[in-house]
Every structure is written in C-alpha cells, then in structure tokens.
Amino acid sequence: MPAGAVISLTTGLNDPEKVTVAFLVAAGAAEGGGSTLMFLAKEAVRLAVNGVATGAAGAACPPIPELFERYERAGGTYLACPSASTRSRSTRVTWCRTPRSAEPSSCGSGSVTTRATTFSY
C-alpha cells in the first residue's frame, strides 16, 4: 500500500498560485493510491465554503474548482482547523465540502499511526 500524504494549506485565494500548487500535489498523491489528507488552516478553510474556490492562478493553470474535483474523485479528504472552521461556520455559510474538524486534544497526540509525507503551503 502506498504511503500517505498530508498537505497543509494556510492561504486562500489571496495567493492562487500557492493554492494551485497545493492541490496539484494533493491530487497527484491521491491519484497515486495513498491516503491523502489536506489540513486547511487560516484562510484556506474558506476554500471549503460553497462558491469561494473559483478562478485560476493564470492562463496556463487549471481552474481551482477542477483541482478540487480531481482531488475529491481520487478519494482525498480534508481536515479543517477547529478555530478557523468555527469562525467560518458562525457566519452561516454553506459548505460545499465537508471537512472534519480537528479536535484540539488530538493535535500532536500521536494519533497518526501510518507514515505520511508532509507538504506545507
């Protein structure tokens, strides 16, 4: 079984190039057959809100919504930072994706039992 990958993303559409690279890496890892998790923190949590992830980083780049679809089709999952997702949920948004909220007590508790390559954007 292929090793897993964890991609941490802290930026949103204020830096579409970084979002594009993170999702290209995540989609490639998920399509490779390993378990793949995107940890969304800070502004990146907003990308999971319906209608927010739009556009493309440039003319030669794939549209961001297509990258989301590609990642999800390959079985990739999301984990939203609890404080950022709570802030976003308090504004009564409609989530287009259903990120799991990380339990603060589980952060750093050694709950990950498999090896994963990590990428941070």
PDB file of N, CA and C in Angstrom:
ATOM      1  N   MET A   1       0.841  -1.174   0.000  1.00  0.00           N
ATOM      2  CA  MET A   1       0.000   0.000   0.000  1.00  0.00           C
ATOM      3  C   MET A   1       0.891   1.243   0.000  1.00  0.00           C
ATOM      4  N   PRO A   2       0.600   2.210  -0.866  1.00  0.00           N
ATOM      5  CA  PRO A   2       1.420   3.416  -0.914  1.00  0.00           C
ATOM      6  C   PRO A   2       1.341   4.197   0.394  1.00  0.00           C
ATOM      7  N   ALA A   3       2.404   4.910   0.689  1.00  0.00           N
ATOM      8  CA  ALA A   3       2.416   5.757   1.879  1.00  0.00           C
ATOM      9  C   ALA A   3       1.426   6.895   1.693  1.00  0.00           C
ATOM     10  N   GLY A   4       1.023   7.496   2.791  1.00  0.00           N
ATOM     11  CA  GLY A   4       0.080   8.596   2.729  1.00  0.00           C
ATOM     12  C   GLY A   4       0.777   9.931   2.551  1.00  0.00           C
ATOM     13  N   ALA A   5      -0.044  10.959   2.343  1.00  0.00           N
ATOM     14  CA  ALA A   5       0.456  12.319   2.221  1.00  0.00           C
ATOM     15  C   ALA A   5      -0.469  13.245   3.002  1.00  0.00           C
ATOM     16  N   VAL A   6       0.146  14.221   3.660  1.00  0.00           N
ATOM     17  CA  VAL A   6      -0.605  15.261   4.354  1.00  0.00           C
ATOM     18  C   VAL A   6      -0.138  16.588   3.779  1.00  0.00           C
ATOM     19  N   ILE A   7      -1.077  17.357   3.276  1.00  0.00           N
ATOM     20  CA  ILE A   7      -0.771  18.653   2.682  1.00  0.00           C
ATOM     21  C   ILE A   7      -1.410  19.717   3.555  1.00  0.00           C
ATOM     22  N   SER A   8      -0.599  20.595   4.096  1.00  0.00           N
ATOM     23  CA  SER A   8      -1.078  21.677   4.950  1.00  0.00           C
ATOM     24  C   SER A   8      -1.161  22.948   4.102  1.00  0.00           C
ATOM     25  N   LEU A   9      -2.318  23.585   4.117  1.00  0.00           N
ATOM     26  CA  LEU A   9      -2.521  24.811   3.338  1.00  0.00           C
ATOM     27  C   LEU A   9      -3.066  25.878   4.267  1.00  0.00           C
ATOM     28  N   THR A  10      -2.401  27.038   4.305  1.00  0.00           N
ATOM     29  CA  THR A  10      -2.821  28.114   5.198  1.00  0.00           C
ATOM     30  C   THR A  10      -3.285  29.357   4.458  1.00  0.00           C
ATOM     31  N   THR A  11      -3.216  29.343   3.159  1.00  0.00           N
ATOM     32  CA  THR A  11      -3.602  30.522   2.395  1.00  0.00           C
ATOM     33  C   THR A  11      -4.802  30.215   1.517  1.00  0.00           C
ATOM     34  N   GLY A  12      -5.514  31.247   1.164  1.00  0.00           N
ATOM     35  CA  GLY A  12      -6.688  31.089   0.311  1.00  0.00           C
ATOM     36  C   GLY A  12      -6.469  31.745  -1.032  1.00  0.00           C
ATOM     37  N   LEU A  13      -7.509  32.333  -1.569  1.00  0.00           N
ATOM     38  CA  LEU A  13      -7.434  32.915  -2.901  1.00  0.00           C
ATOM     39  C   LEU A  13      -6.610  34.191  -2.961  1.00  0.00           C
ATOM     40  N   ASN A  14      -6.114  34.659  -1.811  1.00  0.00           N
ATOM     41  CA  ASN A  14      -5.177  35.774  -1.828  1.00  0.00           C
ATOM     42  C   ASN A  14      -3.859  35.355  -2.471  1.00  0.00           C
ATOM     43  N   ASP A  15      -3.606  34.052  -2.584  1.00  0.00           N
ATOM     44  CA  ASP A  15      -2.419  33.521  -3.253  1.00  0.00           C
ATOM     45  C   ASP A  15      -2.826  32.304  -4.085  1.00  0.00           C
ATOM     46  N   PRO A  16      -3.475  32.534  -5.237  1.00  0.00           N
ATOM     47  CA  PRO A  16      -3.985  31.413  -6.034  1.00  0.00           C
ATOM     48  C   PRO A  16      -2.903  30.479  -6.551  1.00  0.00           C
ATOM     49  N   GLU A  17      -1.687  30.973  -6.732  1.00  0.00           N
ATOM     50  CA  GLU A  17      -0.603  30.099  -7.182  1.00  0.00           C
ATOM     51  C   GLU A  17      -0.287  29.045  -6.133  1.00  0.00           C
ATOM     52  N   LYS A  18      -0.248  29.457  -4.871  1.00  0.00           N
ATOM     53  CA  LYS A  18       0.040  28.522  -3.783  1.00  0.00           C
ATOM     54  C   LYS A  18      -1.087  27.499  -3.641  1.00  0.00           C
ATOM     55  N   VAL A  19      -2.334  27.944  -3.780  1.00  0.00           N
ATOM     56  CA  VAL A  19      -3.487  27.035  -3.712  1.00  0.00           C
ATOM     57  C   VAL A  19      -3.396  26.021  -4.847  1.00  0.00           C
ATOM     58  N   THR A  20      -3.053  26.487  -6.038  1.00  0.00           N
ATOM     59  CA  THR A  20      -2.938  25.599  -7.204  1.00  0.00           C
ATOM     60  C   THR A  20      -1.866  24.547  -6.993  1.00  0.00           C
ATOM     61  N   VAL A  21      -0.697  24.960  -6.534  1.00  0.00           N
ATOM     62  CA  VAL A  21       0.391  24.007  -6.305  1.00  0.00           C
ATOM     63  C   VAL A  21       0.007  22.989  -5.238  1.00  0.00           C
ATOM     64  N   ALA A  22      -0.602  23.452  -4.153  1.00  0.00           N
ATOM     65  CA  ALA A  22      -1.003  22.537  -3.080  1.00  0.00           C
ATOM     66  C   ALA A  22      -2.004  21.502  -3.586  1.00  0.00           C
ATOM     67  N   PHE A  23      -2.974  21.936  -4.392  1.00  0.00           N
ATOM     68  CA  PHE A  23      -3.971  20.993  -4.890  1.00  0.00           C
ATOM     69  C   PHE A  23      -3.415  20.093  -5.990  1.00  0.00           C
ATOM     70  N   LEU A  24      -2.460  20.561  -6.776  1.00  0.00           N
ATOM     71  CA  LEU A  24      -1.808  19.677  -7.753  1.00  0.00           C
ATOM     72  C   LEU A  24      -1.046  18.567  -7.033  1.00  0.00           C
ATOM     73  N   VAL A  25      -0.322  18.914  -5.981  1.00  0.00           N
ATOM     74  CA  VAL A  25       0.412  17.918  -5.193  1.00  0.00           C
ATOM     75  C   VAL A  25      -0.570  16.950  -4.528  1.00  0.00           C
ATOM     76  N   ALA A  26      -1.637  17.493  -3.934  1.00  0.00           N
ATOM     77  CA  ALA A  26      -2.623  16.652  -3.254  1.00  0.00           C
ATOM     78  C   ALA A  26      -3.323  15.710  -4.229  1.00  0.00           C
ATOM     79  N   ALA A  27      -3.726  16.222  -5.377  1.00  0.00           N
ATOM     80  CA  ALA A  27      -4.402  15.383  -6.367  1.00  0.00           C
ATOM     81  C   ALA A  27      -3.471  14.287  -6.865  1.00  0.00           C
ATOM     82  N   GLY A  28      -2.228  14.628  -7.123  1.00  0.00           N
ATOM     83  CA  GLY A  28      -1.260  13.626  -7.569  1.00  0.00           C
ATOM     84  C   GLY A  28      -1.044  12.538  -6.534  1.00  0.00           C
ATOM     85  N   ALA A  29      -0.961  12.941  -5.273  1.00  0.00           N
ATOM     86  CA  ALA A  29      -0.775  11.949  -4.205  1.00  0.00           C
ATOM     87  C   ALA A  29      -2.004  11.044  -4.080  1.00  0.00           C
ATOM     88  N   ALA A  30      -3.180  11.631  -4.128  1.00  0.00           N
ATOM     89  CA  ALA A  30      -4.407  10.835  -4.011  1.00  0.00           C
ATOM     90  C   ALA A  30      -4.572   9.905  -5.209  1.00  0.00           C
ATOM     91  N   GLU A  31      -4.261  10.387  -6.393  1.00  0.00           N
ATOM     92  CA  GLU A  31      -4.367   9.561  -7.595  1.00  0.00           C
ATOM     93  C   GLU A  31      -3.340   8.437  -7.600  1.00  0.00           C
ATOM     94  N   GLY A  32      -2.261   8.613  -6.833  1.00  0.00           N
ATOM     95  CA  GLY A  32      -1.238   7.585  -6.716  1.00  0.00           C
ATOM     96  C   GLY A  32      -1.657   6.423  -5.823  1.00  0.00           C
ATOM     97  N   GLY A  33      -2.795   6.549  -5.163  1.00  0.00           N
ATOM     98  CA  GLY A  33      -3.323   5.439  -4.384  1.00  0.00           C
ATOM     99  C   GLY A  33      -3.112   5.519  -2.892  1.00  0.00           C
ATOM    100  N   GLY A  34      -2.363   6.476  -2.419  1.00  0.00           N
ATOM    101  CA  GLY A  34      -2.155   6.589  -0.983  1.00  0.00           C
ATOM    102  C   GLY A  34      -3.251   7.409  -0.338  1.00  0.00           C
ATOM    103  N   SER A  35      -3.429   7.233   0.974  1.00  0.00           N
ATOM    104  CA  SER A  35      -4.400   8.080   1.666  1.00  0.00           C
ATOM    105  C   SER A  35      -3.847   9.502   1.693  1.00  0.00           C
ATOM    106  N   THR A  36      -4.707  10.451   1.404  1.00  0.00           N
ATOM    107  CA  THR A  36      -4.264  11.839   1.288  1.00  0.00           C
ATOM    108  C   THR A  36      -5.197  12.736   2.080  1.00  0.00           C
ATOM    109  N   LEU A  37      -4.613  13.595   2.883  1.00  0.00           N
ATOM    110  CA  LEU A  37      -5.360  14.494   3.739  1.00  0.00           C
ATOM    111  C   LEU A  37      -4.856  15.908   3.521  1.00  0.00           C
ATOM    112  N   MET A  38      -5.777  16.845   3.335  1.00  0.00           N
ATOM    113  CA  MET A  38      -5.415  18.264   3.289  1.00  0.00           C
ATOM    114  C   MET A  38      -5.851  18.890   4.606  1.00  0.00           C
ATOM    115  N   PHE A  39      -4.893  19.478   5.311  1.00  0.00           N
ATOM    116  CA  PHE A  39      -5.194  20.203   6.529  1.00  0.00           C
ATOM    117  C   PHE A  39      -5.361  21.662   6.157  1.00  0.00           C
ATOM    118  N   LEU A  40      -6.578  22.178   6.295  1.00  0.00           N
ATOM    119  CA  LEU A  40      -6.896  23.554   5.938  1.00  0.00           C
ATOM    120  C   LEU A  40      -6.881  24.412   7.186  1.00  0.00           C
ATOM    121  N   ALA A  41      -6.062  25.459   7.181  1.00  0.00           N
ATOM    122  CA  ALA A  41      -5.973  26.364   8.322  1.00  0.00           C
ATOM    123  C   ALA A  41      -6.023  27.803   7.826  1.00  0.00           C
ATOM    124  N   LYS A  42      -6.294  28.698   8.741  1.00  0.00           N
ATOM    125  CA  LYS A  42      -6.374  30.130   8.448  1.00  0.00           C
ATOM    126  C   LYS A  42      -7.299  30.386   7.258  1.00  0.00           C
ATOM    127  N   GLU A  43      -6.843  31.129   6.279  1.00  0.00           N
ATOM    128  CA  GLU A  43      -7.687  31.482   5.123  1.00  0.00           C
ATOM    129  C   GLU A  43      -8.057  30.284   4.255  1.00  0.00           C
ATOM    130  N   ALA A  44      -7.294  29.214   4.311  1.00  0.00           N
ATOM    131  CA  ALA A  44      -7.581  28.040   3.477  1.00  0.00           C
ATOM    132  C   ALA A  44      -8.904  27.386   3.849  1.00  0.00           C
ATOM    133  N   VAL A  45      -9.362  27.535   5.082  1.00  0.00           N
ATOM    134  CA  VAL A  45     -10.638  26.949   5.496  1.00  0.00           C
ATOM    135  C   VAL A  45     -11.768  27.494   4.628  1.00  0.00           C
ATOM    136  N   ARG A  46     -11.661  28.734   4.231  1.00  0.00           N
ATOM    137  CA  ARG A  46     -12.706  29.357   3.408  1.00  0.00           C
ATOM    138  C   ARG A  46     -12.849  28.693   2.050  1.00  0.00           C
ATOM    139  N   LEU A  47     -11.812  28.014   1.572  1.00  0.00           N
ATOM    140  CA  LEU A  47     -11.886  27.341   0.270  1.00  0.00           C
ATOM    141  C   LEU A  47     -12.946  26.240   0.258  1.00  0.00           C
ATOM    142  N   ALA A  48     -13.292  25.724   1.417  1.00  0.00           N
ATOM    143  CA  ALA A  48     -14.303  24.668   1.504  1.00  0.00           C
ATOM    144  C   ALA A  48     -15.726  25.221   1.568  1.00  0.00           C
ATOM    145  N   VAL A  49     -15.854  26.534   1.540  1.00  0.00           N
ATOM    146  CA  VAL A  49     -17.162  27.171   1.576  1.00  0.00           C
ATOM    147  C   VAL A  49     -17.708  27.257   0.153  1.00  0.00           C
ATOM    148  N   ASN A  50     -18.964  26.898  -0.013  1.00  0.00           N
ATOM    149  CA  ASN A  50     -19.607  26.906  -1.325  1.00  0.00           C
ATOM    150  C   ASN A  50     -19.426  28.250  -2.037  1.00  0.00           C
ATOM    151  N   GLY A  51     -18.887  28.202  -3.255  1.00  0.00           N
ATOM    152  CA  GLY A  51     -18.746  29.395  -4.078  1.00  0.00           C
ATOM    153  C   GLY A  51     -17.460  30.178  -3.895  1.00  0.00           C
ATOM    154  N   VAL A  52     -16.621  29.808  -2.947  1.00  0.00           N
ATOM    155  CA  VAL A  52     -15.394  30.571  -2.696  1.00  0.00           C
ATOM    156  C   VAL A  52     -14.253  30.158  -3.617  1.00  0.00           C
ATOM    157  N   ALA A  53     -14.054  28.868  -3.821  1.00  0.00           N
ATOM    158  CA  ALA A  53     -12.930  28.373  -4.628  1.00  0.00           C
ATOM    159  C   ALA A  53     -13.255  28.526  -6.114  1.00  0.00           C
ATOM    160  N   THR A  54     -12.918  29.671  -6.654  1.00  0.00           N
ATOM    161  CA  THR A  54     -13.193  29.960  -8.062  1.00  0.00           C
ATOM    162  C   THR A  54     -11.937  30.471  -8.732  1.00  0.00           C
ATOM    163  N   GLY A  55     -11.971  30.547 -10.057  1.00  0.00           N
ATOM    164  CA  GLY A  55     -10.878  31.141 -10.798  1.00  0.00           C
ATOM    165  C   GLY A  55      -9.719  30.203 -11.030  1.00  0.00           C
ATOM    166  N   ALA A  56      -8.637  30.792 -11.519  1.00  0.00           N
ATOM    167  CA  ALA A  56      -7.403  30.060 -11.803  1.00  0.00           C
ATOM    168  C   ALA A  56      -6.232  30.978 -11.500  1.00  0.00           C
ATOM    169  N   ALA A  57      -5.081  30.393 -11.232  1.00  0.00           N
ATOM    170  CA  ALA A  57      -3.892  31.182 -10.906  1.00  0.00           C
ATOM    171  C   ALA A  57      -3.355  31.918 -12.120  1.00  0.00           C
ATOM    172  N   GLY A  58      -3.627  31.406 -13.300  1.00  0.00           N
ATOM    173  CA  GLY A  58      -3.150  32.034 -14.531  1.00  0.00           C
ATOM    174  C   GLY A  58      -3.700  31.302 -15.738  1.00  0.00           C
ATOM    175  N   ALA A  59      -3.442  31.843 -16.907  1.00  0.00           N
ATOM    176  CA  ALA A  59      -3.994  31.276 -18.141  1.00  0.00           C
ATOM    177  C   ALA A  59      -3.542  29.833 -18.380  1.00  0.00           C
ATOM    178  N   ALA A  60      -2.327  29.497 -17.961  1.00  0.00           N
ATOM    179  CA  ALA A  60      -1.800  28.145 -18.194  1.00  0.00           C
ATOM    180  C   ALA A  60      -2.116  27.182 -17.055  1.00  0.00           C
ATOM    181  N   CYS A  61      -2.801  27.655 -16.029  1.00  0.00           N
ATOM    182  CA  CYS A  61      -3.098  26.824 -14.854  1.00  0.00           C
ATOM    183  C   CYS A  61      -4.505  26.255 -14.926  1.00  0.00           C
ATOM    184  N   PRO A  62      -4.692  25.051 -14.383  1.00  0.00           N
ATOM    185  CA  PRO A  62      -6.053  24.502 -14.345  1.00  0.00           C
ATOM    186  C   PRO A  62      -6.916  25.321 -13.386  1.00  0.00           C
ATOM    187  N   PRO A  63      -8.203  25.447 -13.675  1.00  0.00           N
ATOM    188  CA  PRO A  63      -9.098  26.168 -12.757  1.00  0.00           C
ATOM    189  C   PRO A  63      -9.132  25.486 -11.387  1.00  0.00           C
ATOM    190  N   ILE A  64      -9.185  26.288 -10.353  1.00  0.00           N
ATOM    191  CA  ILE A  64      -9.177  25.766  -8.993  1.00  0.00           C
ATOM    192  C   ILE A  64     -10.346  24.809  -8.731  1.00  0.00           C
ATOM    193  N   PRO A  65     -11.564  25.095  -9.204  1.00  0.00           N
ATOM    194  CA  PRO A  65     -12.650  24.122  -8.979  1.00  0.00           C
ATOM    195  C   PRO A  65     -12.364  22.746  -9.599  1.00  0.00           C
ATOM    196  N   GLU A  66     -11.696  22.706 -10.732  1.00  0.00           N
ATOM    197  CA  GLU A  66     -11.331  21.420 -11.346  1.00  0.00           C
ATOM    198  C   GLU A  66     -10.334  20.661 -10.480  1.00  0.00           C
ATOM    199  N   LEU A  67      -9.412  21.381  -9.843  1.00  0.00           N
ATOM    200  CA  LEU A  67      -8.442  20.729  -8.964  1.00  0.00           C
ATOM    201  C   LEU A  67      -9.135  20.126  -7.747  1.00  0.00           C
ATOM    202  N   PHE A  68     -10.112  20.851  -7.190  1.00  0.00           N
ATOM    203  CA  PHE A  68     -10.900  20.311  -6.080  1.00  0.00           C
ATOM    204  C   PHE A  68     -11.589  19.025  -6.498  1.00  0.00           C
ATOM    205  N   GLU A  69     -12.248  19.042  -7.653  1.00  0.00           N
ATOM    206  CA  GLU A  69     -12.973  17.862  -8.137  1.00  0.00           C
ATOM    207  C   GLU A  69     -12.022  16.689  -8.355  1.00  0.00           C
ATOM    208  N   ARG A  70     -10.882  16.963  -8.943  1.00  0.00           N
ATOM    209  CA  ARG A  70      -9.892  15.910  -9.200  1.00  0.00           C
ATOM    210  C   ARG A  70      -9.421  15.282  -7.888  1.00  0.00           C
ATOM    211  N   TYR A  71      -9.144  16.105  -6.902  1.00  0.00           N
ATOM    212  CA  TYR A  71      -8.699  15.625  -5.591  1.00  0.00           C
ATOM    213  C   TYR A  71      -9.774  14.768  -4.919  1.00  0.00           C
ATOM    214  N   GLU A  72     -11.000  15.253  -4.953  1.00  0.00           N
ATOM    215  CA  GLU A  72     -12.092  14.528  -4.310  1.00  0.00           C
ATOM    216  C   GLU A  72     -12.413  13.219  -5.026  1.00  0.00           C
ATOM    217  N   ARG A  73     -12.368  13.229  -6.360  1.00  0.00           N
ATOM    218  CA  ARG A  73     -12.615  11.998  -7.134  1.00  0.00           C
ATOM    219  C   ARG A  73     -11.600  10.919  -6.794  1.00  0.00           C
ATOM    220  N   ALA A  74     -10.378  11.345  -6.480  1.00  0.00           N
ATOM    221  CA  ALA A  74      -9.314  10.393  -6.148  1.00  0.00           C
ATOM    222  C   ALA A  74      -9.394   9.923  -4.696  1.00  0.00           C
ATOM    223  N   GLY A  75     -10.354  10.440  -3.940  1.00  0.00           N
ATOM    224  CA  GLY A  75     -10.540   9.981  -2.559  1.00  0.00           C
ATOM    225  C   GLY A  75      -9.874  10.828  -1.504  1.00  0.00           C
ATOM    226  N   GLY A  76      -9.384  11.998  -1.881  1.00  0.00           N
ATOM    227  CA  GLY A  76      -8.745  12.882  -0.908  1.00  0.00           C
ATOM    228  C   GLY A  76      -9.738  13.419   0.102  1.00  0.00           C
ATOM    229  N   THR A  77      -9.261  13.666   1.329  1.00  0.00           N
ATOM    230  CA  THR A  77     -10.117  14.181   2.397  1.00  0.00           C
ATOM    231  C   THR A  77      -9.536  15.477   2.955  1.00  0.00           C
ATOM    232  N   TYR A  78     -10.362  16.174   3.746  1.00  0.00           N
ATOM    233  CA  TYR A  78      -9.979  17.452   4.343  1.00  0.00           C
ATOM    234  C   TYR A  78     -10.083  17.379   5.856  1.00  0.00           C
ATOM    235  N   LEU A  79      -9.264  18.154   6.513  1.00  0.00           N
ATOM    236  CA  LEU A  79      -9.346  18.341   7.954  1.00  0.00           C
ATOM    237  C   LEU A  79      -9.242  19.844   8.179  1.00  0.00           C
ATOM    238  N   ALA A  80     -10.260  20.451   8.766  1.00  0.00           N
ATOM    239  CA  ALA A  80     -10.283  21.896   8.961  1.00  0.00           C
ATOM    240  C   ALA A  80      -9.799  22.258  10.351  1.00  0.00           C
ATOM    241  N   CYS A  81      -9.013  23.300  10.437  1.00  0.00           N
ATOM    242  CA  CYS A  81      -8.542  23.819  11.715  1.00  0.00           C
ATOM    243  C   CYS A  81      -9.761  24.191  12.551  1.00  0.00           C
ATOM    244  N   PRO A  82      -9.838  23.721  13.785  1.00  0.00           N
ATOM    245  CA  PRO A  82     -11.054  23.953  14.573  1.00  0.00           C
ATOM    246  C   PRO A  82     -11.369  25.421  14.817  1.00  0.00           C
ATOM    247  N   SER A  83     -10.383  26.249  15.085  1.00  0.00           N
ATOM    248  CA  SER A  83     -10.702  27.655  15.362  1.00  0.00           C
ATOM    249  C   SER A  83     -11.119  28.379  14.094  1.00  0.00           C
ATOM    250  N   ALA A  84     -10.489  28.085  12.969  1.00  0.00           N
ATOM    251  CA  ALA A  84     -10.857  28.746  11.718  1.00  0.00           C
ATOM    252  C   ALA A  84     -12.206  28.262  11.220  1.00  0.00           C
ATOM    253  N   SER A  85     -12.489  26.968  11.343  1.00  0.00           N
ATOM    254  CA  SER A  85     -13.767  26.460  10.860  1.00  0.00           C
ATOM    255  C   SER A  85     -14.910  26.943  11.740  1.00  0.00           C
ATOM    256  N   THR A  86     -14.667  27.121  13.020  1.00  0.00           N
ATOM    257  CA  THR A  86     -15.699  27.651  13.906  1.00  0.00           C
ATOM    258  C   THR A  86     -16.027  29.084  13.528  1.00  0.00           C
ATOM    259  N   ARG A  87     -15.006  29.880  13.230  1.00  0.00           N
ATOM    260  CA  ARG A  87     -15.248  31.260  12.801  1.00  0.00           C
ATOM    261  C   ARG A  87     -16.062  31.283  11.519  1.00  0.00           C
ATOM    262  N   SER A  88     -15.695  30.425  10.556  1.00  0.00           N
ATOM    263  CA  SER A  88     -16.404  30.406   9.280  1.00  0.00           C
ATOM    264  C   SER A  88     -17.827  29.910   9.458  1.00  0.00           C
ATOM    265  N   ARG A  89     -18.040  28.913  10.287  1.00  0.00           N
ATOM    266  CA  ARG A  89     -19.387  28.363  10.477  1.00  0.00           C
ATOM    267  C   ARG A  89     -20.294  29.357  11.189  1.00  0.00           C
ATOM    268  N   SER A  90     -19.712  30.243  12.007  1.00  0.00           N
ATOM    269  CA  SER A  90     -20.542  31.190  12.736  1.00  0.00           C
ATOM    270  C   SER A  90     -21.173  32.220  11.807  1.00  0.00           C
ATOM    271  N   THR A  91     -20.688  32.336  10.583  1.00  0.00           N
ATOM    272  CA  THR A  91     -21.253  33.296   9.639  1.00  0.00           C
ATOM    273  C   THR A  91     -22.345  32.663   8.786  1.00  0.00           C
ATOM    274  N   ARG A  92     -22.790  31.453   9.156  1.00  0.00           N
ATOM    275  CA  ARG A  92     -23.870  30.729   8.469  1.00  0.00           C
ATOM    276  C   ARG A  92     -23.580  30.528   6.990  1.00  0.00           C
ATOM    277  N   VAL A  93     -22.464  29.897   6.701  1.00  0.00           N
ATOM    278  CA  VAL A  93     -22.091  29.597   5.327  1.00  0.00           C
ATOM    279  C   VAL A  93     -22.593  28.215   4.946  1.00  0.00           C
ATOM    280  N   THR A  94     -22.650  27.963   3.655  1.00  0.00           N
ATOM    281  CA  THR A  94     -22.997  26.644   3.150  1.00  0.00           C
ATOM    282  C   THR A  94     -21.710  25.974   2.697  1.00  0.00           C
ATOM    283  N   TRP A  95     -21.360  24.853   3.329  1.00  0.00           N
ATOM    284  CA  TRP A  95     -20.141  24.139   2.983  1.00  0.00           C
ATOM    285  C   TRP A  95     -20.378  23.313   1.732  1.00  0.00           C
ATOM    286  N   CYS A  96     -19.511  23.452   0.737  1.00  0.00           N
ATOM    287  CA  CYS A  96     -19.633  22.619  -0.456  1.00  0.00           C
ATOM    288  C   CYS A  96     -18.873  21.318  -0.255  1.00  0.00           C
ATOM    289  N   ARG A  97     -17.978  21.299   0.676  1.00  0.00           N
ATOM    290  CA  ARG A  97     -17.244  20.099   1.041  1.00  0.00           C
ATOM    291  C   ARG A  97     -17.451  19.916   2.524  1.00  0.00           C
ATOM    292  N   THR A  98     -17.266  18.738   3.030  1.00  0.00           N
ATOM    293  CA  THR A  98     -17.488  18.530   4.458  1.00  0.00           C
ATOM    294  C   THR A  98     -16.184  18.189   5.156  1.00  0.00           C
ATOM    295  N   PRO A  99     -15.421  19.220   5.510  1.00  0.00           N
ATOM    296  CA  PRO A  99     -14.182  18.942   6.222  1.00  0.00           C
ATOM    297  C   PRO A  99     -14.476  18.483   7.636  1.00  0.00           C
ATOM    298  N   ARG A 100     -13.677  17.539   8.104  1.00  0.00           N
ATOM    299  CA  ARG A 100     -13.782  17.147   9.508  1.00  0.00           C
ATOM    300  C   ARG A 100     -13.073  18.216  10.320  1.00  0.00           C
ATOM    301  N   SER A 101     -13.576  18.504  11.483  1.00  0.00           N
ATOM    302  CA  SER A 101     -12.939  19.477  12.359  1.00  0.00           C
ATOM    303  C   SER A 101     -11.965  18.736  13.267  1.00  0.00           C
ATOM    304  N   ALA A 102     -10.750  19.231  13.347  1.00  0.00           N
ATOM    305  CA  ALA A 102      -9.747  18.605  14.204  1.00  0.00           C
ATOM    306  C   ALA A 102     -10.086  18.876  15.658  1.00  0.00           C
ATOM    307  N   GLU A 103     -10.000  17.857  16.464  1.00  0.00           N
ATOM    308  CA  GLU A 103     -10.195  18.036  17.898  1.00  0.00           C
ATOM    309  C   GLU A 103      -8.899  18.599  18.474  1.00  0.00           C
ATOM    310  N   PRO A 104      -8.960  19.736  19.193  1.00  0.00           N
ATOM    311  CA  PRO A 104      -7.735  20.322  19.736  1.00  0.00           C
ATOM    312  C   PRO A 104      -6.920  19.342  20.553  1.00  0.00           C
ATOM    313  N   SER A 105      -7.577  18.424  21.274  1.00  0.00           N
ATOM    314  CA  SER A 105      -6.846  17.478  22.113  1.00  0.00           C
ATOM    315  C   SER A 105      -6.076  16.450  21.284  1.00  0.00           C
ATOM    316  N   SER A 106      -6.472  16.262  19.997  1.00  0.00           N
ATOM    317  CA  SER A 106      -5.799  15.254  19.189  1.00  0.00           C
ATOM    318  C   SER A 106      -4.565  15.797  18.483  1.00  0.00           C
ATOM    319  N   CYS A 107      -4.424  17.110  18.440  1.00  0.00           N
ATOM    320  CA  CYS A 107      -3.274  17.700  17.753  1.00  0.00           C
ATOM    321  C   CYS A 107      -1.990  17.354  18.506  1.00  0.00           C
ATOM    322  N   GLY A 108      -1.105  16.675  17.837  1.00  0.00           N
ATOM    323  CA  GLY A 108       0.162  16.312  18.436  1.00  0.00           C
ATOM    324  C   GLY A 108       0.089  15.165  19.422  1.00  0.00           C
ATOM    325  N   SER A 109      -1.018  14.441  19.435  1.00  0.00           N
ATOM    326  CA  SER A 109      -1.155  13.370  20.426  1.00  0.00           C
ATOM    327  C   SER A 109      -0.626  12.033  19.926  1.00  0.00           C
ATOM    328  N   GLY A 110      -0.072  12.013  18.724  1.00  0.00           N
ATOM    329  CA  GLY A 110       0.435  10.768  18.187  1.00  0.00           C
ATOM    330  C   GLY A 110      -0.664   9.884  17.641  1.00  0.00           C
ATOM    331  N   SER A 111      -1.795  10.474  17.254  1.00  0.00           N
ATOM    332  CA  SER A 111      -2.922   9.678  16.773  1.00  0.00           C
ATOM    333  C   SER A 111      -2.722   9.162  15.354  1.00  0.00           C
ATOM    334  N   VAL A 112      -1.742   9.670  14.631  1.00  0.00           N
ATOM    335  CA  VAL A 112      -1.467   9.179  13.286  1.00  0.00           C
ATOM    336  C   VAL A 112      -0.630   7.911  13.416  1.00  0.00           C
ATOM    337  N   THR A 113      -1.138   6.824  12.857  1.00  0.00           N
ATOM    338  CA  THR A 113      -0.458   5.546  13.044  1.00  0.00           C
ATOM    339  C   THR A 113       0.275   5.071  11.797  1.00  0.00           C
ATOM    340  N   THR A 114       0.138   5.793  10.699  1.00  0.00           N
ATOM    341  CA  THR A 114       0.868   5.419   9.491  1.00  0.00           C
ATOM    342  C   THR A 114       1.825   6.528   9.119  1.00  0.00           C
ATOM    343  N   ARG A 115       2.805   6.179   8.338  1.00  0.00           N
ATOM    344  CA  ARG A 115       3.769   7.185   7.896  1.00  0.00           C
ATOM    345  C   ARG A 115       3.166   7.979   6.736  1.00  0.00           C
ATOM    346  N   ALA A 116       3.456   9.273   6.743  1.00  0.00           N
ATOM    347  CA  ALA A 116       2.958  10.130   5.671  1.00  0.00           C
ATOM    348  C   ALA A 116       4.030  11.158   5.323  1.00  0.00           C
ATOM    349  N   THR A 117       4.106  11.465   4.068  1.00  0.00           N
ATOM    350  CA  THR A 117       4.957  12.556   3.608  1.00  0.00           C
ATOM    351  C   THR A 117       4.159  13.839   3.773  1.00  0.00           C
ATOM    352  N   THR A 118       4.786  14.867   4.326  1.00  0.00           N
ATOM    353  CA  THR A 118       4.069  16.109   4.567  1.00  0.00           C
ATOM    354  C   THR A 118       4.550  17.211   3.634  1.00  0.00           C
ATOM    355  N   PHE A 119       3.614  18.035   3.216  1.00  0.00           N
ATOM    356  CA  PHE A 119       3.894  19.201   2.380  1.00  0.00           C
ATOM    357  C   PHE A 119       3.190  20.381   3.034  1.00  0.00           C
ATOM    358  N   SER A 120       3.827  21.519   3.059  1.00  0.00           N
ATOM    359  CA  SER A 120       3.222  22.683   3.691  1.00  0.00           C
ATOM    360  C   SER A 120       3.256  23.868   2.753  1.00  0.00           C
ATOM    361  N   TYR A 121       2.079  24.455   2.539  1.00  0.00           N
ATOM    362  CA  TYR A 121       1.955  25.608   1.644  1.00  0.00           C
ATOM    363  C   TYR A 121       1.225  26.725   2.342  1.00  0.00           C
TER     364      TYR A 121
END
